[in-house]
Amino acid sequence: MNRVRCAWGDSAPDYADYHDTEWGVPLHGRDALFERISLEAFQSGLSWITILRKRENFRRAFAGFVPDAVAAFDTTDVERLMADTGIVRNRAKVTATITNARAVLAMDTDLDDLLWSFAPGVKPARPKTMADVPAITPESTAMSKALKKRGFAFVGPTTCYALMQATGMVDDHVRTCWRATPENPA
């Protein structure tokens, strides 16, 4: 099927699949959201396609992104991860993922509830082009501050906005995209 997508969604088959099935689709659940926070942090400074192509390796290396398991990782696990060529081997990001798992477990509220509390109440106008899509919003800045206050790392406002896009908290599919249907007009 030949569909009109957001421009980035047509640049590679991996992107097309991600665009069509995941990006902008509401996602809930502690473990699923922890995975997305982790992958968005690993993406910082890299291309998202790199992360997508290594996603299964990340899942294997990080115990399926179950916070309880990742929080128990120790220095031996860090060294194992640093030797794993199937993932992005950045020590700061590896240790941030472990730190973030521990922060999830220490939270006095549910991760899902916290993250979704920053979803804008009023949907902004659907962007005409990707150039109209912001990198940071007041909501992503507030989310970043709330997460950092709880001990999270690698969760700046840009990373938080990418998380919001990826998990459907915001829907930035452009007007001409097939995902911007009458059922999903915004």
C-alpha atoms as a PDB file:
ATOM      1  CA  MET A   1       0.000   0.000   0.000  1.00  0.00           C
ATOM      2  CA  ASN A   2       1.359   3.390  -0.977  1.00  0.00           C
ATOM      3  CA  ARG A   3       0.619   5.716   1.932  1.00  0.00           C
ATOM      4  CA  VAL A   4       1.535   9.353   2.384  1.00  0.00           C
ATOM      5  CA  ARG A   5       3.531   9.592   5.607  1.00  0.00           C
ATOM      6  CA  CYS A   6       5.345  12.210   7.585  1.00  0.00           C
ATOM      7  CA  ALA A   7       8.560  12.763   5.579  1.00  0.00           C
ATOM      8  CA  TRP A   8      10.833  10.937   8.022  1.00  0.00           C
ATOM      9  CA  GLY A   9       8.540   7.894   7.916  1.00  0.00           C
ATOM     10  CA  ASP A  10       9.361   7.276   4.254  1.00  0.00           C
ATOM     11  CA  SER A  11      13.129   7.401   4.585  1.00  0.00           C
ATOM     12  CA  ALA A  12      13.667   3.701   5.467  1.00  0.00           C
ATOM     13  CA  PRO A  13      11.523   0.571   5.846  1.00  0.00           C
ATOM     14  CA  ASP A  14      12.267   0.482   9.604  1.00  0.00           C
ATOM     15  CA  TYR A  15      11.029   4.047   9.915  1.00  0.00           C
ATOM     16  CA  ALA A  16       7.892   3.311   7.864  1.00  0.00           C
ATOM     17  CA  ASP A  17       6.941   0.416  10.127  1.00  0.00           C
ATOM     18  CA  TYR A  18       7.640   2.422  13.293  1.00  0.00           C
ATOM     19  CA  HIS A  19       5.741   5.431  11.942  1.00  0.00           C
ATOM     20  CA  ASP A  20       2.746   3.361  10.878  1.00  0.00           C
ATOM     21  CA  THR A  21       2.401   1.176  13.960  1.00  0.00           C
ATOM     22  CA  GLU A  22       3.929   2.934  16.983  1.00  0.00           C
ATOM     23  CA  TRP A  23       4.781   6.621  16.724  1.00  0.00           C
ATOM     24  CA  GLY A  24       1.964   8.686  18.177  1.00  0.00           C
ATOM     25  CA  VAL A  25       0.014   5.651  19.390  1.00  0.00           C
ATOM     26  CA  PRO A  26      -0.937   5.940  23.074  1.00  0.00           C
ATOM     27  CA  LEU A  27       1.264   3.673  25.168  1.00  0.00           C
ATOM     28  CA  HIS A  28       0.660   2.798  28.804  1.00  0.00           C
ATOM     29  CA  GLY A  29       2.261   0.572  31.396  1.00  0.00           C
ATOM     30  CA  ARG A  30       5.274   0.985  33.652  1.00  0.00           C
ATOM     31  CA  ASP A  31       7.594  -1.404  31.826  1.00  0.00           C
ATOM     32  CA  ALA A  32       6.651  -0.233  28.326  1.00  0.00           C
ATOM     33  CA  LEU A  33       7.142   3.411  29.298  1.00  0.00           C
ATOM     34  CA  PHE A  34      10.428   2.625  31.051  1.00  0.00           C
ATOM     35  CA  GLU A  35      11.642   0.999  27.837  1.00  0.00           C
ATOM     36  CA  ARG A  36      10.725   4.089  25.851  1.00  0.00           C
ATOM     37  CA  ILE A  37      12.402   6.449  28.325  1.00  0.00           C
ATOM     38  CA  SER A  38      15.511   4.289  28.118  1.00  0.00           C
ATOM     39  CA  LEU A  39      15.563   4.102  24.329  1.00  0.00           C
ATOM     40  CA  GLU A  40      14.943   7.841  23.974  1.00  0.00           C
ATOM     41  CA  ALA A  41      17.867   8.487  26.320  1.00  0.00           C
ATOM     42  CA  PHE A  42      20.098   6.197  24.267  1.00  0.00           C
ATOM     43  CA  GLN A  43      18.976   8.032  21.126  1.00  0.00           C
ATOM     44  CA  SER A  44      20.219  11.377  22.446  1.00  0.00           C
ATOM     45  CA  GLY A  45      22.804  12.606  19.947  1.00  0.00           C
ATOM     46  CA  LEU A  46      22.205   9.694  17.565  1.00  0.00           C
ATOM     47  CA  SER A  47      19.786   8.812  14.806  1.00  0.00           C
ATOM     48  CA  TRP A  48      16.572   7.095  15.901  1.00  0.00           C
ATOM     49  CA  ILE A  49      17.094   4.485  13.168  1.00  0.00           C
ATOM     50  CA  THR A  50      20.216   3.335  15.024  1.00  0.00           C
ATOM     51  CA  ILE A  51      18.145   2.673  18.126  1.00  0.00           C
ATOM     52  CA  LEU A  52      15.314   1.006  16.205  1.00  0.00           C
ATOM     53  CA  ARG A  53      17.724  -1.388  14.547  1.00  0.00           C
ATOM     54  CA  LYS A  54      19.279  -2.304  17.906  1.00  0.00           C
ATOM     55  CA  ARG A  55      15.994  -2.433  19.822  1.00  0.00           C
ATOM     56  CA  GLU A  56      15.842  -6.223  20.244  1.00  0.00           C
ATOM     57  CA  ASN A  57      19.467  -6.227  21.388  1.00  0.00           C
ATOM     58  CA  PHE A  58      18.631  -3.533  23.936  1.00  0.00           C
ATOM     59  CA  ARG A  59      15.683  -5.577  25.192  1.00  0.00           C
ATOM     60  CA  ARG A  60      17.874  -8.644  25.605  1.00  0.00           C
ATOM     61  CA  ALA A  61      20.711  -6.705  27.249  1.00  0.00           C
ATOM     62  CA  PHE A  62      18.412  -4.819  29.643  1.00  0.00           C
ATOM     63  CA  ALA A  63      16.243  -7.742  30.807  1.00  0.00           C
ATOM     64  CA  GLY A  64      13.247  -6.672  28.752  1.00  0.00           C
ATOM     65  CA  PHE A  65      13.375  -3.253  30.423  1.00  0.00           C
ATOM     66  CA  VAL A  66      11.682  -4.594  33.538  1.00  0.00           C
ATOM     67  CA  PRO A  67      12.684  -1.949  36.110  1.00  0.00           C
ATOM     68  CA  ASP A  68      12.934  -4.477  38.957  1.00  0.00           C
ATOM     69  CA  ALA A  69      15.549  -6.461  37.023  1.00  0.00           C
ATOM     70  CA  VAL A  70      17.488  -3.469  35.683  1.00  0.00           C
ATOM     71  CA  ALA A  71      17.600  -1.823  39.120  1.00  0.00           C
ATOM     72  CA  ALA A  72      19.500  -4.876  40.385  1.00  0.00           C
ATOM     73  CA  PHE A  73      22.274  -4.468  37.792  1.00  0.00           C
ATOM     74  CA  ASP A  74      25.725  -3.952  39.298  1.00  0.00           C
ATOM     75  CA  THR A  75      29.215  -3.076  38.049  1.00  0.00           C
ATOM     76  CA  THR A  76      29.565  -6.515  36.469  1.00  0.00           C
ATOM     77  CA  ASP A  77      26.430  -5.825  34.435  1.00  0.00           C
ATOM     78  CA  VAL A  78      27.738  -2.404  33.423  1.00  0.00           C
ATOM     79  CA  GLU A  79      30.920  -4.011  32.098  1.00  0.00           C
ATOM     80  CA  ARG A  80      28.878  -6.700  30.304  1.00  0.00           C
ATOM     81  CA  LEU A  81      26.806  -3.979  28.657  1.00  0.00           C
ATOM     82  CA  MET A  82      29.879  -1.970  27.712  1.00  0.00           C
ATOM     83  CA  ALA A  83      31.212  -5.036  25.880  1.00  0.00           C
ATOM     84  CA  ASP A  84      27.911  -5.700  24.058  1.00  0.00           C
ATOM     85  CA  THR A  85      28.335  -4.625  20.433  1.00  0.00           C
ATOM     86  CA  GLY A  86      24.604  -5.070  19.838  1.00  0.00           C
ATOM     87  CA  ILE A  87      23.720  -1.930  21.796  1.00  0.00           C
ATOM     88  CA  VAL A  88      24.988   1.634  22.024  1.00  0.00           C
ATOM     89  CA  ARG A  89      27.964   1.378  24.355  1.00  0.00           C
ATOM     90  CA  ASN A  90      27.899   4.688  26.153  1.00  0.00           C
ATOM     91  CA  ARG A  91      28.745   4.324  29.835  1.00  0.00           C
ATOM     92  CA  ALA A  92      26.794   7.416  30.891  1.00  0.00           C
ATOM     93  CA  LYS A  93      23.665   6.156  29.132  1.00  0.00           C
ATOM     94  CA  VAL A  94      24.091   2.617  30.448  1.00  0.00           C
ATOM     95  CA  THR A  95      24.435   3.836  34.030  1.00  0.00           C
ATOM     96  CA  ALA A  96      21.572   6.306  33.520  1.00  0.00           C
ATOM     97  CA  THR A  97      19.301   3.413  32.516  1.00  0.00           C
ATOM     98  CA  ILE A  98      20.155   1.591  35.742  1.00  0.00           C
ATOM     99  CA  THR A  99      19.719   4.792  37.747  1.00  0.00           C
ATOM    100  CA  ASN A 100      16.355   5.387  36.074  1.00  0.00           C
ATOM    101  CA  ALA A 101      15.169   1.861  36.880  1.00  0.00           C
ATOM    102  CA  ARG A 102      16.001   2.493  40.525  1.00  0.00           C
ATOM    103  CA  ALA A 103      14.177   5.835  40.347  1.00  0.00           C
ATOM    104  CA  VAL A 104      11.081   4.082  38.949  1.00  0.00           C
ATOM    105  CA  LEU A 105      11.079   1.707  41.910  1.00  0.00           C
ATOM    106  CA  ALA A 106      11.553   4.546  44.400  1.00  0.00           C
ATOM    107  CA  MET A 107       8.669   6.631  43.049  1.00  0.00           C
ATOM    108  CA  ASP A 108       5.679   7.337  45.249  1.00  0.00           C
ATOM    109  CA  THR A 109       3.427   7.418  42.186  1.00  0.00           C
ATOM    110  CA  ASP A 110       2.939   5.221  39.160  1.00  0.00           C
ATOM    111  CA  LEU A 111       5.265   6.024  36.243  1.00  0.00           C
ATOM    112  CA  ASP A 112       2.356   5.838  33.795  1.00  0.00           C
ATOM    113  CA  ASP A 113       0.299   8.313  35.835  1.00  0.00           C
ATOM    114  CA  LEU A 114       3.231  10.687  36.231  1.00  0.00           C
ATOM    115  CA  LEU A 115       4.225  10.750  32.567  1.00  0.00           C
ATOM    116  CA  TRP A 116       0.692  11.032  31.229  1.00  0.00           C
ATOM    117  CA  SER A 117      -0.038  13.905  33.619  1.00  0.00           C
ATOM    118  CA  PHE A 118       2.096  16.046  31.277  1.00  0.00           C
ATOM    119  CA  ALA A 119       0.072  15.284  28.143  1.00  0.00           C
ATOM    120  CA  PRO A 120      -1.424  18.554  26.943  1.00  0.00           C
ATOM    121  CA  GLY A 121      -5.104  18.885  27.794  1.00  0.00           C
ATOM    122  CA  VAL A 122      -5.830  20.785  24.610  1.00  0.00           C
ATOM    123  CA  LYS A 123      -4.527  19.320  21.364  1.00  0.00           C
ATOM    124  CA  PRO A 124      -2.532  21.863  19.379  1.00  0.00           C
ATOM    125  CA  ALA A 125      -3.295  22.323  15.698  1.00  0.00           C
ATOM    126  CA  ARG A 126      -1.887  19.507  13.593  1.00  0.00           C
ATOM    127  CA  PRO A 127       1.433  20.597  12.044  1.00  0.00           C
ATOM    128  CA  LYS A 128       1.506  21.369   8.311  1.00  0.00           C
ATOM    129  CA  THR A 129       5.103  20.150   7.974  1.00  0.00           C
ATOM    130  CA  MET A 130       7.704  18.607  10.257  1.00  0.00           C
ATOM    131  CA  ALA A 131       9.285  22.069  10.434  1.00  0.00           C
ATOM    132  CA  ASP A 132       6.214  23.096  12.452  1.00  0.00           C
ATOM    133  CA  VAL A 133       6.866  20.418  15.088  1.00  0.00           C
ATOM    134  CA  PRO A 134       8.563  21.740  18.235  1.00  0.00           C
ATOM    135  CA  ALA A 135      11.557  20.060  19.867  1.00  0.00           C
ATOM    136  CA  ILE A 136      10.629  21.305  23.344  1.00  0.00           C
ATOM    137  CA  THR A 137       7.341  22.375  24.875  1.00  0.00           C
ATOM    138  CA  PRO A 138       6.374  23.713  28.298  1.00  0.00           C
ATOM    139  CA  GLU A 139       4.963  20.246  29.061  1.00  0.00           C
ATOM    140  CA  SER A 140       8.189  18.442  28.094  1.00  0.00           C
ATOM    141  CA  THR A 141      10.181  20.904  30.177  1.00  0.00           C
ATOM    142  CA  ALA A 142       7.909  20.284  33.165  1.00  0.00           C
ATOM    143  CA  MET A 143       8.165  16.506  32.651  1.00  0.00           C
ATOM    144  CA  SER A 144      11.954  16.727  32.517  1.00  0.00           C
ATOM    145  CA  LYS A 145      12.060  18.698  35.773  1.00  0.00           C
ATOM    146  CA  ALA A 146       9.703  16.251  37.497  1.00  0.00           C
ATOM    147  CA  LEU A 147      11.742  13.247  36.408  1.00  0.00           C
ATOM    148  CA  LYS A 148      15.068  14.833  37.370  1.00  0.00           C
ATOM    149  CA  LYS A 149      13.609  15.737  40.772  1.00  0.00           C
ATOM    150  CA  ARG A 150      12.887  12.027  41.230  1.00  0.00           C
ATOM    151  CA  GLY A 151      16.480  11.068  40.357  1.00  0.00           C
ATOM    152  CA  PHE A 152      16.197  10.293  36.629  1.00  0.00           C
ATOM    153  CA  ALA A 153      19.096  11.017  34.269  1.00  0.00           C
ATOM    154  CA  PHE A 154      19.280  11.716  30.517  1.00  0.00           C
ATOM    155  CA  VAL A 155      15.736  13.085  30.507  1.00  0.00           C
ATOM    156  CA  GLY A 156      16.110  16.614  29.192  1.00  0.00           C
ATOM    157  CA  PRO A 157      13.184  18.528  27.670  1.00  0.00           C
ATOM    158  CA  THR A 158      13.996  17.404  24.103  1.00  0.00           C
ATOM    159  CA  THR A 159      14.205  13.753  25.140  1.00  0.00           C
ATOM    160  CA  CYS A 160      10.952  14.139  27.055  1.00  0.00           C
ATOM    161  CA  TYR A 161       9.215  15.659  24.033  1.00  0.00           C
ATOM    162  CA  ALA A 162      10.438  12.787  21.838  1.00  0.00           C
ATOM    163  CA  LEU A 163       9.032  10.427  24.479  1.00  0.00           C
ATOM    164  CA  MET A 164       5.714  12.287  24.394  1.00  0.00           C
ATOM    165  CA  GLN A 165       5.586  11.933  20.600  1.00  0.00           C
ATOM    166  CA  ALA A 166       6.603   8.276  20.622  1.00  0.00           C
ATOM    167  CA  THR A 167       4.020   7.305  23.226  1.00  0.00           C
ATOM    168  CA  GLY A 168       1.059   9.264  21.887  1.00  0.00           C
ATOM    169  CA  MET A 169       0.962  11.928  24.575  1.00  0.00           C
ATOM    170  CA  VAL A 170       1.123  14.300  21.635  1.00  0.00           C
ATOM    171  CA  ASP A 171       0.290  13.527  18.012  1.00  0.00           C
ATOM    172  CA  ASP A 172       2.609  15.298  15.609  1.00  0.00           C
ATOM    173  CA  HIS A 173       1.656  13.488  12.407  1.00  0.00           C
ATOM    174  CA  VAL A 174       1.494  16.186   9.735  1.00  0.00           C
ATOM    175  CA  ARG A 175      -1.787  17.078   8.053  1.00  0.00           C
ATOM    176  CA  THR A 176      -1.038  15.185   4.849  1.00  0.00           C
ATOM    177  CA  CYS A 177      -0.032  11.978   6.680  1.00  0.00           C
ATOM    178  CA  TRP A 178      -2.369   8.998   6.393  1.00  0.00           C
ATOM    179  CA  ARG A 179      -2.335   8.794  10.203  1.00  0.00           C
ATOM    180  CA  ALA A 180      -4.009  12.228  10.289  1.00  0.00           C
ATOM    181  CA  THR A 181      -7.350  10.743   9.329  1.00  0.00           C
ATOM    182  CA  PRO A 182     -10.872  12.072   9.967  1.00  0.00           C
ATOM    183  CA  GLU A 183     -10.921   9.710  12.961  1.00  0.00           C
ATOM    184  CA  ASN A 184      -7.712  11.369  14.195  1.00  0.00           C
ATOM    185  CA  PRO A 185      -8.096  14.972  12.974  1.00  0.00           C
ATOM    186  CA  ALA A 186      -6.496  17.140  15.658  1.00  0.00           C
END
